PDB file of all heavy atoms in Angstrom:
ATOM      1  N   GLU A   1       0.116  -7.084 -14.308  1.00  0.00           N
ATOM      2  CA  GLU A   1      -1.251  -6.730 -14.601  1.00  0.00           C
ATOM      3  C   GLU A   1      -2.233  -6.948 -13.464  1.00  0.00           C
ATOM      4  O   GLU A   1      -3.137  -6.243 -13.199  1.00  0.00           O
ATOM      5  CB  GLU A   1      -1.801  -7.464 -15.930  1.00  0.00           C
ATOM      6  CG  GLU A   1      -1.087  -6.927 -17.128  1.00  0.00           C
ATOM      7  CD  GLU A   1      -1.723  -7.551 -18.397  1.00  0.00           C
ATOM      8  OE1 GLU A   1      -2.791  -8.177 -18.310  1.00  0.00           O
ATOM      9  OE2 GLU A   1      -1.050  -7.468 -19.502  1.00  0.00           O
ATOM     10  N   GLU A   2      -2.049  -8.151 -12.701  1.00  0.00           N
ATOM     11  CA  GLU A   2      -2.977  -8.497 -11.705  1.00  0.00           C
ATOM     12  C   GLU A   2      -2.967  -7.414 -10.565  1.00  0.00           C
ATOM     13  O   GLU A   2      -4.041  -7.023 -10.066  1.00  0.00           O
ATOM     14  CB  GLU A   2      -2.625  -9.843 -11.077  1.00  0.00           C
ATOM     15  CG  GLU A   2      -3.727 -10.452 -10.219  1.00  0.00           C
ATOM     16  CD  GLU A   2      -3.359 -11.806  -9.670  1.00  0.00           C
ATOM     17  OE1 GLU A   2      -2.174 -12.221  -9.913  1.00  0.00           O
ATOM     18  OE2 GLU A   2      -4.169 -12.457  -9.078  1.00  0.00           O
ATOM     19  N   THR A   3      -1.794  -6.949 -10.292  1.00  0.00           N
ATOM     20  CA  THR A   3      -1.716  -5.909  -9.239  1.00  0.00           C
ATOM     21  C   THR A   3      -2.327  -4.608  -9.610  1.00  0.00           C
ATOM     22  O   THR A   3      -2.987  -3.907  -8.908  1.00  0.00           O
ATOM     23  CB  THR A   3      -0.198  -5.617  -8.899  1.00  0.00           C
ATOM     24  OG1 THR A   3       0.461  -6.836  -8.530  1.00  0.00           O
ATOM     25  CG2 THR A   3      -0.068  -4.623  -7.797  1.00  0.00           C
ATOM     26  N   LEU A   4      -2.214  -4.332 -11.002  1.00  0.00           N
ATOM     27  CA  LEU A   4      -2.762  -3.082 -11.483  1.00  0.00           C
ATOM     28  C   LEU A   4      -4.292  -3.154 -11.663  1.00  0.00           C
ATOM     29  O   LEU A   4      -4.895  -2.087 -12.075  1.00  0.00           O
ATOM     30  CB  LEU A   4      -2.086  -2.761 -12.877  1.00  0.00           C
ATOM     31  CG  LEU A   4      -0.622  -2.574 -12.838  1.00  0.00           C
ATOM     32  CD1 LEU A   4      -0.062  -2.232 -14.205  1.00  0.00           C
ATOM     33  CD2 LEU A   4      -0.211  -1.435 -11.832  1.00  0.00           C
ATOM     34  N   SER A   5      -4.917  -4.323 -11.327  1.00  0.00           N
ATOM     35  CA  SER A   5      -6.383  -4.341 -11.466  1.00  0.00           C
ATOM     36  C   SER A   5      -7.055  -3.642 -10.344  1.00  0.00           C
ATOM     37  O   SER A   5      -8.173  -3.320 -10.345  1.00  0.00           O
ATOM     38  CB  SER A   5      -6.840  -5.834 -11.470  1.00  0.00           C
ATOM     39  OG  SER A   5      -6.483  -6.474 -10.267  1.00  0.00           O
ATOM     40  N   VAL A   6      -6.273  -3.422  -9.183  1.00  0.00           N
ATOM     41  CA  VAL A   6      -6.861  -2.710  -8.074  1.00  0.00           C
ATOM     42  C   VAL A   6      -6.635  -1.167  -8.257  1.00  0.00           C
ATOM     43  O   VAL A   6      -5.591  -0.712  -8.506  1.00  0.00           O
ATOM     44  CB  VAL A   6      -6.086  -3.131  -6.748  1.00  0.00           C
ATOM     45  CG1 VAL A   6      -6.605  -2.380  -5.556  1.00  0.00           C
ATOM     46  CG2 VAL A   6      -6.257  -4.622  -6.515  1.00  0.00           C
ATOM     47  N   LYS A   7      -7.793  -0.466  -8.111  1.00  0.00           N
ATOM     48  CA  LYS A   7      -7.702   0.957  -8.366  1.00  0.00           C
ATOM     49  C   LYS A   7      -8.279   1.783  -7.294  1.00  0.00           C
ATOM     50  O   LYS A   7      -9.319   1.346  -6.622  1.00  0.00           O
ATOM     51  CB  LYS A   7      -8.499   1.279  -9.672  1.00  0.00           C
ATOM     52  CG  LYS A   7      -7.885   0.636 -10.970  1.00  0.00           C
ATOM     53  CD  LYS A   7      -8.713   0.899 -12.214  1.00  0.00           C
ATOM     54  CE  LYS A   7      -8.139   0.180 -13.399  1.00  0.00           C
ATOM     55  NZ  LYS A   7      -6.831   0.618 -13.843  1.00  0.00           N
ATOM     56  N   TYR A   8      -7.665   2.893  -7.039  1.00  0.00           N
ATOM     57  CA  TYR A   8      -8.180   3.877  -6.074  1.00  0.00           C
ATOM     58  C   TYR A   8      -8.701   5.073  -6.880  1.00  0.00           C
ATOM     59  O   TYR A   8      -7.950   5.753  -7.558  1.00  0.00           O
ATOM     60  CB  TYR A   8      -7.130   4.334  -5.034  1.00  0.00           C
ATOM     61  CG  TYR A   8      -7.531   5.446  -4.150  1.00  0.00           C
ATOM     62  CD1 TYR A   8      -8.398   5.151  -3.063  1.00  0.00           C
ATOM     63  CD2 TYR A   8      -7.126   6.735  -4.363  1.00  0.00           C
ATOM     64  CE1 TYR A   8      -8.784   6.207  -2.217  1.00  0.00           C
ATOM     65  CE2 TYR A   8      -7.499   7.741  -3.485  1.00  0.00           C
ATOM     66  CZ  TYR A   8      -8.344   7.517  -2.416  1.00  0.00           C
ATOM     67  OH  TYR A   8      -8.745   8.544  -1.614  1.00  0.00           O
ATOM     68  N   ARG A   9     -10.003   5.358  -6.801  1.00  0.00           N
ATOM     69  CA  ARG A   9     -10.629   6.433  -7.562  1.00  0.00           C
ATOM     70  C   ARG A   9     -10.214   6.352  -9.060  1.00  0.00           C
ATOM     71  O   ARG A   9      -9.935   7.361  -9.655  1.00  0.00           O
ATOM     72  CB  ARG A   9     -10.232   7.802  -6.975  1.00  0.00           C
ATOM     73  CG  ARG A   9     -10.779   8.083  -5.559  1.00  0.00           C
ATOM     74  CD  ARG A   9     -10.401   9.429  -5.066  1.00  0.00           C
ATOM     75  NE  ARG A   9     -10.837  10.449  -5.983  1.00  0.00           N
ATOM     76  CZ  ARG A   9     -10.298  11.699  -6.067  1.00  0.00           C
ATOM     77  NH1 ARG A   9      -9.311  12.085  -5.197  1.00  0.00           N
ATOM     78  NH2 ARG A   9     -10.753  12.571  -6.904  1.00  0.00           N
ATOM     79  N   GLY A  10     -10.242   5.134  -9.513  1.00  0.00           N
ATOM     80  CA  GLY A  10      -9.894   4.957 -10.971  1.00  0.00           C
ATOM     81  C   GLY A  10      -8.529   4.900 -11.389  1.00  0.00           C
ATOM     82  O   GLY A  10      -8.207   4.727 -12.522  1.00  0.00           O
ATOM     83  N   LYS A  11      -7.558   4.976 -10.369  1.00  0.00           N
ATOM     84  CA  LYS A  11      -6.155   4.960 -10.673  1.00  0.00           C
ATOM     85  C   LYS A  11      -5.447   3.795 -10.002  1.00  0.00           C
ATOM     86  O   LYS A  11      -5.730   3.462  -8.815  1.00  0.00           O
ATOM     87  CB  LYS A  11      -5.489   6.271 -10.191  1.00  0.00           C
ATOM     88  CG  LYS A  11      -5.988   7.510 -10.784  1.00  0.00           C
ATOM     89  CD  LYS A  11      -5.446   7.788 -12.220  1.00  0.00           C
ATOM     90  CE  LYS A  11      -5.843   9.175 -12.694  1.00  0.00           C
ATOM     91  NZ  LYS A  11      -5.326   9.379 -14.081  1.00  0.00           N
ATOM     92  N   ASP A  12      -4.700   3.018 -10.811  1.00  0.00           N
ATOM     93  CA  ASP A  12      -3.898   1.964 -10.188  1.00  0.00           C
ATOM     94  C   ASP A  12      -2.566   2.525  -9.586  1.00  0.00           C
ATOM     95  O   ASP A  12      -2.273   3.685  -9.810  1.00  0.00           O
ATOM     96  CB  ASP A  12      -3.603   0.830 -11.172  1.00  0.00           C
ATOM     97  CG  ASP A  12      -2.812   1.340 -12.460  1.00  0.00           C
ATOM     98  OD1 ASP A  12      -1.789   2.038 -12.236  1.00  0.00           O
ATOM     99  OD2 ASP A  12      -3.210   0.938 -13.526  1.00  0.00           O
ATOM    100  N   ILE A  13      -1.815   1.707  -8.846  1.00  0.00           N
ATOM    101  CA  ILE A  13      -0.642   2.163  -8.217  1.00  0.00           C
ATOM    102  C   ILE A  13       0.425   2.744  -9.200  1.00  0.00           C
ATOM    103  O   ILE A  13       1.139   3.696  -8.913  1.00  0.00           O
ATOM    104  CB  ILE A  13       0.024   1.035  -7.331  1.00  0.00           C
ATOM    105  CG1 ILE A  13       1.251   1.602  -6.535  1.00  0.00           C
ATOM    106  CG2 ILE A  13       0.402  -0.133  -8.214  1.00  0.00           C
ATOM    107  CD1 ILE A  13       0.902   2.520  -5.463  1.00  0.00           C
ATOM    108  N   SER A  14       0.501   2.135 -10.370  1.00  0.00           N
ATOM    109  CA  SER A  14       1.486   2.639 -11.409  1.00  0.00           C
ATOM    110  C   SER A  14       1.084   3.965 -11.883  1.00  0.00           C
ATOM    111  O   SER A  14       1.963   4.907 -12.023  1.00  0.00           O
ATOM    112  CB  SER A  14       1.584   1.667 -12.548  1.00  0.00           C
ATOM    113  OG  SER A  14       2.456   2.123 -13.578  1.00  0.00           O
ATOM    114  N   GLU A  15      -0.206   4.225 -12.157  1.00  0.00           N
ATOM    115  CA  GLU A  15      -0.669   5.541 -12.585  1.00  0.00           C
ATOM    116  C   GLU A  15      -0.518   6.616 -11.502  1.00  0.00           C
ATOM    117  O   GLU A  15      -0.261   7.796 -11.826  1.00  0.00           O
ATOM    118  CB  GLU A  15      -2.142   5.454 -12.994  1.00  0.00           C
ATOM    119  CG  GLU A  15      -2.425   4.612 -14.287  1.00  0.00           C
ATOM    120  CD  GLU A  15      -3.879   4.321 -14.554  1.00  0.00           C
ATOM    121  OE1 GLU A  15      -4.636   4.152 -13.583  1.00  0.00           O
ATOM    122  OE2 GLU A  15      -4.199   4.316 -15.728  1.00  0.00           O
ATOM    123  N   ILE A  16      -0.695   6.229 -10.304  1.00  0.00           N
ATOM    124  CA  ILE A  16      -0.447   7.139  -9.154  1.00  0.00           C
ATOM    125  C   ILE A  16       0.947   7.629  -9.097  1.00  0.00           C
ATOM    126  O   ILE A  16       1.293   8.780  -8.919  1.00  0.00           O
ATOM    127  CB  ILE A  16      -0.916   6.490  -7.863  1.00  0.00           C
ATOM    128  CG1 ILE A  16      -2.407   6.377  -7.762  1.00  0.00           C
ATOM    129  CG2 ILE A  16      -0.350   7.369  -6.601  1.00  0.00           C
ATOM    130  CD1 ILE A  16      -2.893   5.585  -6.574  1.00  0.00           C
ATOM    131  N   LEU A  17       1.907   6.654  -9.248  1.00  0.00           N
ATOM    132  CA  LEU A  17       3.306   7.041  -9.212  1.00  0.00           C
ATOM    133  C   LEU A  17       3.770   7.905 -10.404  1.00  0.00           C
ATOM    134  O   LEU A  17       4.758   8.448 -10.369  1.00  0.00           O
ATOM    135  CB  LEU A  17       4.191   5.740  -9.180  1.00  0.00           C
ATOM    136  CG  LEU A  17       4.141   4.923  -7.839  1.00  0.00           C
ATOM    137  CD1 LEU A  17       4.872   3.650  -7.947  1.00  0.00           C
ATOM    138  CD2 LEU A  17       4.667   5.806  -6.692  1.00  0.00           C
ATOM    139  N   LYS A  18       2.982   7.890 -11.512  1.00  0.00           N
ATOM    140  CA  LYS A  18       3.304   8.669 -12.654  1.00  0.00           C
ATOM    141  C   LYS A  18       2.747  10.103 -12.499  1.00  0.00           C
ATOM    142  O   LYS A  18       3.011  10.972 -13.310  1.00  0.00           O
ATOM    143  CB  LYS A  18       2.751   8.089 -13.969  1.00  0.00           C
ATOM    144  CG  LYS A  18       3.478   6.790 -14.292  1.00  0.00           C
ATOM    145  CD  LYS A  18       2.949   6.146 -15.545  1.00  0.00           C
ATOM    146  CE  LYS A  18       3.667   4.905 -15.944  1.00  0.00           C
ATOM    147  NZ  LYS A  18       3.095   4.171 -17.097  1.00  0.00           N
ATOM    148  N   MET A  19       1.971  10.384 -11.419  1.00  0.00           N
ATOM    149  CA  MET A  19       1.428  11.705 -11.116  1.00  0.00           C
ATOM    150  C   MET A  19       2.523  12.572 -10.661  1.00  0.00           C
ATOM    151  O   MET A  19       3.530  12.154 -10.094  1.00  0.00           O
ATOM    152  CB  MET A  19       0.387  11.684 -10.008  1.00  0.00           C
ATOM    153  CG  MET A  19      -0.916  11.016 -10.422  1.00  0.00           C
ATOM    154  SD  MET A  19      -2.038  11.141  -8.980  1.00  0.00           S
ATOM    155  CE  MET A  19      -3.508  10.435  -9.658  1.00  0.00           C
ATOM    156  N   THR A  20       2.394  13.923 -10.917  1.00  0.00           N
ATOM    157  CA  THR A  20       3.285  14.918 -10.268  1.00  0.00           C
ATOM    158  C   THR A  20       2.775  15.149  -8.849  1.00  0.00           C
ATOM    159  O   THR A  20       1.617  14.787  -8.472  1.00  0.00           O
ATOM    160  CB  THR A  20       3.203  16.212 -11.036  1.00  0.00           C
ATOM    161  OG1 THR A  20       1.926  16.815 -10.964  1.00  0.00           O
ATOM    162  CG2 THR A  20       3.574  16.125 -12.519  1.00  0.00           C
ATOM    163  N   PHE A  21       3.594  15.812  -8.028  1.00  0.00           N
ATOM    164  CA  PHE A  21       3.254  16.083  -6.661  1.00  0.00           C
ATOM    165  C   PHE A  21       2.048  17.042  -6.605  1.00  0.00           C
ATOM    166  O   PHE A  21       1.144  16.895  -5.723  1.00  0.00           O
ATOM    167  CB  PHE A  21       4.380  16.728  -5.889  1.00  0.00           C
ATOM    168  CG  PHE A  21       5.329  15.601  -5.374  1.00  0.00           C
ATOM    169  CD1 PHE A  21       6.389  15.210  -6.144  1.00  0.00           C
ATOM    170  CD2 PHE A  21       5.201  15.089  -4.150  1.00  0.00           C
ATOM    171  CE1 PHE A  21       7.270  14.281  -5.682  1.00  0.00           C
ATOM    172  CE2 PHE A  21       6.060  14.068  -3.679  1.00  0.00           C
ATOM    173  CZ  PHE A  21       7.082  13.704  -4.511  1.00  0.00           C
ATOM    174  N   SER A  22       1.930  17.892  -7.611  1.00  0.00           N
ATOM    175  CA  SER A  22       0.790  18.885  -7.578  1.00  0.00           C
ATOM    176  C   SER A  22      -0.517  18.084  -7.926  1.00  0.00           C
ATOM    177  O   SER A  22      -1.545  18.272  -7.282  1.00  0.00           O
ATOM    178  CB  SER A  22       0.985  19.914  -8.712  1.00  0.00           C
ATOM    179  OG  SER A  22       1.995  20.794  -8.317  1.00  0.00           O
ATOM    180  N   GLU A  23      -0.427  17.165  -8.860  1.00  0.00           N
ATOM    181  CA  GLU A  23      -1.644  16.351  -9.234  1.00  0.00           C
ATOM    182  C   GLU A  23      -2.006  15.487  -8.080  1.00  0.00           C
ATOM    183  O   GLU A  23      -3.168  15.351  -7.724  1.00  0.00           O
ATOM    184  CB  GLU A  23      -1.317  15.547 -10.498  1.00  0.00           C
ATOM    185  CG  GLU A  23      -1.146  16.344 -11.797  1.00  0.00           C
ATOM    186  CD  GLU A  23      -0.561  15.535 -12.841  1.00  0.00           C
ATOM    187  OE1 GLU A  23      -0.038  14.427 -12.642  1.00  0.00           O
ATOM    188  OE2 GLU A  23      -0.674  15.988 -14.021  1.00  0.00           O
ATOM    189  N   ALA A  24      -0.999  14.840  -7.451  1.00  0.00           N
ATOM    190  CA  ALA A  24      -1.315  13.925  -6.321  1.00  0.00           C
ATOM    191  C   ALA A  24      -1.841  14.659  -5.087  1.00  0.00           C
ATOM    192  O   ALA A  24      -2.696  14.160  -4.392  1.00  0.00           O
ATOM    193  CB  ALA A  24      -0.018  13.225  -5.924  1.00  0.00           C
ATOM    194  N   ARG A  25      -1.402  15.899  -4.911  1.00  0.00           N
ATOM    195  CA  ARG A  25      -1.945  16.706  -3.802  1.00  0.00           C
ATOM    196  C   ARG A  25      -3.481  16.852  -3.925  1.00  0.00           C
ATOM    197  O   ARG A  25      -4.250  16.729  -2.982  1.00  0.00           O
ATOM    198  CB  ARG A  25      -1.275  18.083  -3.764  1.00  0.00           C
ATOM    199  CG  ARG A  25      -1.891  18.995  -2.673  1.00  0.00           C
ATOM    200  CD  ARG A  25      -1.268  20.385  -2.877  1.00  0.00           C
ATOM    201  NE  ARG A  25      -1.462  20.924  -4.180  1.00  0.00           N
ATOM    202  CZ  ARG A  25      -0.937  22.074  -4.619  1.00  0.00           C
ATOM    203  NH1 ARG A  25      -0.057  22.727  -3.875  1.00  0.00           N
ATOM    204  NH2 ARG A  25      -1.135  22.447  -5.832  1.00  0.00           N
ATOM    205  N   ASP A  26      -3.869  17.186  -5.137  1.00  0.00           N
ATOM    206  CA  ASP A  26      -5.313  17.341  -5.426  1.00  0.00           C
ATOM    207  C   ASP A  26      -6.096  16.013  -5.331  1.00  0.00           C
ATOM    208  O   ASP A  26      -7.167  15.836  -4.862  1.00  0.00           O
ATOM    209  CB  ASP A  26      -5.607  18.053  -6.750  1.00  0.00           C
ATOM    210  CG  ASP A  26      -4.989  19.455  -6.823  1.00  0.00           C
ATOM    211  OD1 ASP A  26      -4.826  20.017  -5.772  1.00  0.00           O
ATOM    212  OD2 ASP A  26      -4.616  19.852  -7.960  1.00  0.00           O
ATOM    213  N   PHE A  27      -5.409  14.964  -5.918  1.00  0.00           N
ATOM    214  CA  PHE A  27      -6.034  13.617  -6.014  1.00  0.00           C
ATOM    215  C   PHE A  27      -6.267  13.032  -4.598  1.00  0.00           C
ATOM    216  O   PHE A  27      -7.299  12.408  -4.372  1.00  0.00           O
ATOM    217  CB  PHE A  27      -5.173  12.794  -6.825  1.00  0.00           C
ATOM    218  CG  PHE A  27      -5.664  11.332  -7.117  1.00  0.00           C
ATOM    219  CD1 PHE A  27      -6.693  11.188  -8.061  1.00  0.00           C
ATOM    220  CD2 PHE A  27      -5.204  10.268  -6.428  1.00  0.00           C
ATOM    221  CE1 PHE A  27      -7.233   9.940  -8.294  1.00  0.00           C
ATOM    222  CE2 PHE A  27      -5.771   8.967  -6.705  1.00  0.00           C
ATOM    223  CZ  PHE A  27      -6.759   8.826  -7.639  1.00  0.00           C
ATOM    224  N   PHE A  28      -5.337  13.272  -3.723  1.00  0.00           N
ATOM    225  CA  PHE A  28      -5.476  12.729  -2.364  1.00  0.00           C
ATOM    226  C   PHE A  28      -5.908  13.866  -1.291  1.00  0.00           C
ATOM    227  O   PHE A  28      -5.537  13.748  -0.136  1.00  0.00           O
ATOM    228  CB  PHE A  28      -4.139  12.164  -1.901  1.00  0.00           C
ATOM    229  CG  PHE A  28      -3.704  10.928  -2.616  1.00  0.00           C
ATOM    230  CD1 PHE A  28      -2.679  11.010  -3.552  1.00  0.00           C
ATOM    231  CD2 PHE A  28      -4.366   9.759  -2.415  1.00  0.00           C
ATOM    232  CE1 PHE A  28      -2.287   9.821  -4.303  1.00  0.00           C
ATOM    233  CE2 PHE A  28      -4.000   8.538  -3.172  1.00  0.00           C
ATOM    234  CZ  PHE A  28      -2.937   8.630  -4.157  1.00  0.00           C
ATOM    235  N   SER A  29      -6.693  14.701  -1.727  1.00  0.00           N
ATOM    236  CA  SER A  29      -7.174  15.806  -0.816  1.00  0.00           C
ATOM    237  C   SER A  29      -8.007  15.313   0.334  1.00  0.00           C
ATOM    238  O   SER A  29      -8.039  15.931   1.349  1.00  0.00           O
ATOM    239  CB  SER A  29      -8.013  16.796  -1.670  1.00  0.00           C
ATOM    240  OG  SER A  29      -9.136  16.148  -2.267  1.00  0.00           O
ATOM    241  N   ALA A  30      -8.556  14.025   0.252  1.00  0.00           N
ATOM    242  CA  ALA A  30      -9.327  13.476   1.306  1.00  0.00           C
ATOM    243  C   ALA A  30      -8.544  12.609   2.218  1.00  0.00           C
ATOM    244  O   ALA A  30      -9.057  12.024   3.154  1.00  0.00           O
ATOM    245  CB  ALA A  30     -10.545  12.709   0.750  1.00  0.00           C
ATOM    246  N   VAL A  31      -7.203  12.519   1.960  1.00  0.00           N
ATOM    247  CA  VAL A  31      -6.334  11.654   2.767  1.00  0.00           C
ATOM    248  C   VAL A  31      -5.327  12.566   3.507  1.00  0.00           C
ATOM    249  O   VAL A  31      -4.319  12.907   3.013  1.00  0.00           O
ATOM    250  CB  VAL A  31      -5.605  10.593   1.924  1.00  0.00           C
ATOM    251  CG1 VAL A  31      -4.862   9.619   2.819  1.00  0.00           C
ATOM    252  CG2 VAL A  31      -6.535   9.864   1.016  1.00  0.00           C
ATOM    253  N   PRO A  32      -5.672  12.945   4.777  1.00  0.00           N
ATOM    254  CA  PRO A  32      -4.907  14.030   5.448  1.00  0.00           C
ATOM    255  C   PRO A  32      -3.392  13.748   5.532  1.00  0.00           C
ATOM    256  O   PRO A  32      -2.612  14.646   5.182  1.00  0.00           O
ATOM    257  CB  PRO A  32      -5.491  13.997   6.824  1.00  0.00           C
ATOM    258  CG  PRO A  32      -6.818  13.482   6.649  1.00  0.00           C
ATOM    259  CD  PRO A  32      -6.777  12.483   5.605  1.00  0.00           C
ATOM    260  N   HIS A  33      -2.921  12.586   5.844  1.00  0.00           N
ATOM    261  CA  HIS A  33      -1.480  12.262   6.012  1.00  0.00           C
ATOM    262  C   HIS A  33      -0.746  12.402   4.648  1.00  0.00           C
ATOM    263  O   HIS A  33       0.376  13.042   4.635  1.00  0.00           O
ATOM    264  CB  HIS A  33      -1.221  10.871   6.552  1.00  0.00           C
ATOM    265  CG  HIS A  33      -1.686  10.714   7.925  1.00  0.00           C
ATOM    266  ND1 HIS A  33      -1.246  11.441   8.978  1.00  0.00           N
ATOM    267  CD2 HIS A  33      -2.630   9.855   8.496  1.00  0.00           C
ATOM    268  CE1 HIS A  33      -1.914  11.100  10.131  1.00  0.00           C
ATOM    269  NE2 HIS A  33      -2.678  10.123   9.848  1.00  0.00           N
ATOM    270  N   LEU A  34      -1.297  11.937   3.629  1.00  0.00           N
ATOM    271  CA  LEU A  34      -0.732  12.091   2.268  1.00  0.00           C
ATOM    272  C   LEU A  34      -0.768  13.479   1.828  1.00  0.00           C
ATOM    273  O   LEU A  34       0.227  14.026   1.291  1.00  0.00           O
ATOM    274  CB  LEU A  34      -1.470  11.181   1.254  1.00  0.00           C
ATOM    275  CG  LEU A  34      -1.084   9.683   1.221  1.00  0.00           C
ATOM    276  CD1 LEU A  34      -2.006   8.924   0.296  1.00  0.00           C
ATOM    277  CD2 LEU A  34       0.404   9.505   0.807  1.00  0.00           C
ATOM    278  N   ARG A  35      -1.855  14.195   1.999  1.00  0.00           N
ATOM    279  CA  ARG A  35      -2.054  15.555   1.481  1.00  0.00           C
ATOM    280  C   ARG A  35      -0.998  16.454   2.129  1.00  0.00           C
ATOM    281  O   ARG A  35      -0.419  17.254   1.449  1.00  0.00           O
ATOM    282  CB  ARG A  35      -3.487  16.058   1.790  1.00  0.00           C
ATOM    283  CG  ARG A  35      -3.697  17.411   1.120  1.00  0.00           C
ATOM    284  CD  ARG A  35      -5.063  17.991   1.532  1.00  0.00           C
ATOM    285  NE  ARG A  35      -5.087  18.355   2.982  1.00  0.00           N
ATOM    286  CZ  ARG A  35      -5.914  17.826   3.884  1.00  0.00           C
ATOM    287  NH1 ARG A  35      -6.742  16.865   3.534  1.00  0.00           N
ATOM    288  NH2 ARG A  35      -5.831  18.203   5.141  1.00  0.00           N
ATOM    289  N   ARG A  36      -0.747  16.288   3.446  1.00  0.00           N
ATOM    290  CA  ARG A  36       0.181  17.203   4.171  1.00  0.00           C
ATOM    291  C   ARG A  36       1.590  17.020   3.578  1.00  0.00           C
ATOM    292  O   ARG A  36       2.276  18.013   3.310  1.00  0.00           O
ATOM    293  CB  ARG A  36       0.097  16.865   5.630  1.00  0.00           C
ATOM    294  CG  ARG A  36       1.233  17.607   6.464  1.00  0.00           C
ATOM    295  CD  ARG A  36       1.111  19.037   6.369  1.00  0.00           C
ATOM    296  NE  ARG A  36       2.314  19.760   6.964  1.00  0.00           N
ATOM    297  CZ  ARG A  36       2.828  20.836   6.471  1.00  0.00           C
ATOM    298  NH1 ARG A  36       2.329  21.473   5.445  1.00  0.00           N
ATOM    299  NH2 ARG A  36       3.886  21.373   7.078  1.00  0.00           N
TER     300      ARG A  36
END
């Protein structure tokens, strides 16, 4: 739980890993290396 208290744009690392690649592409549109 302590690790999951840190959030990027309202999502913790576990929620990010549960995203699909399509969802993550839109979610990280402002992070060039990840988006590519």
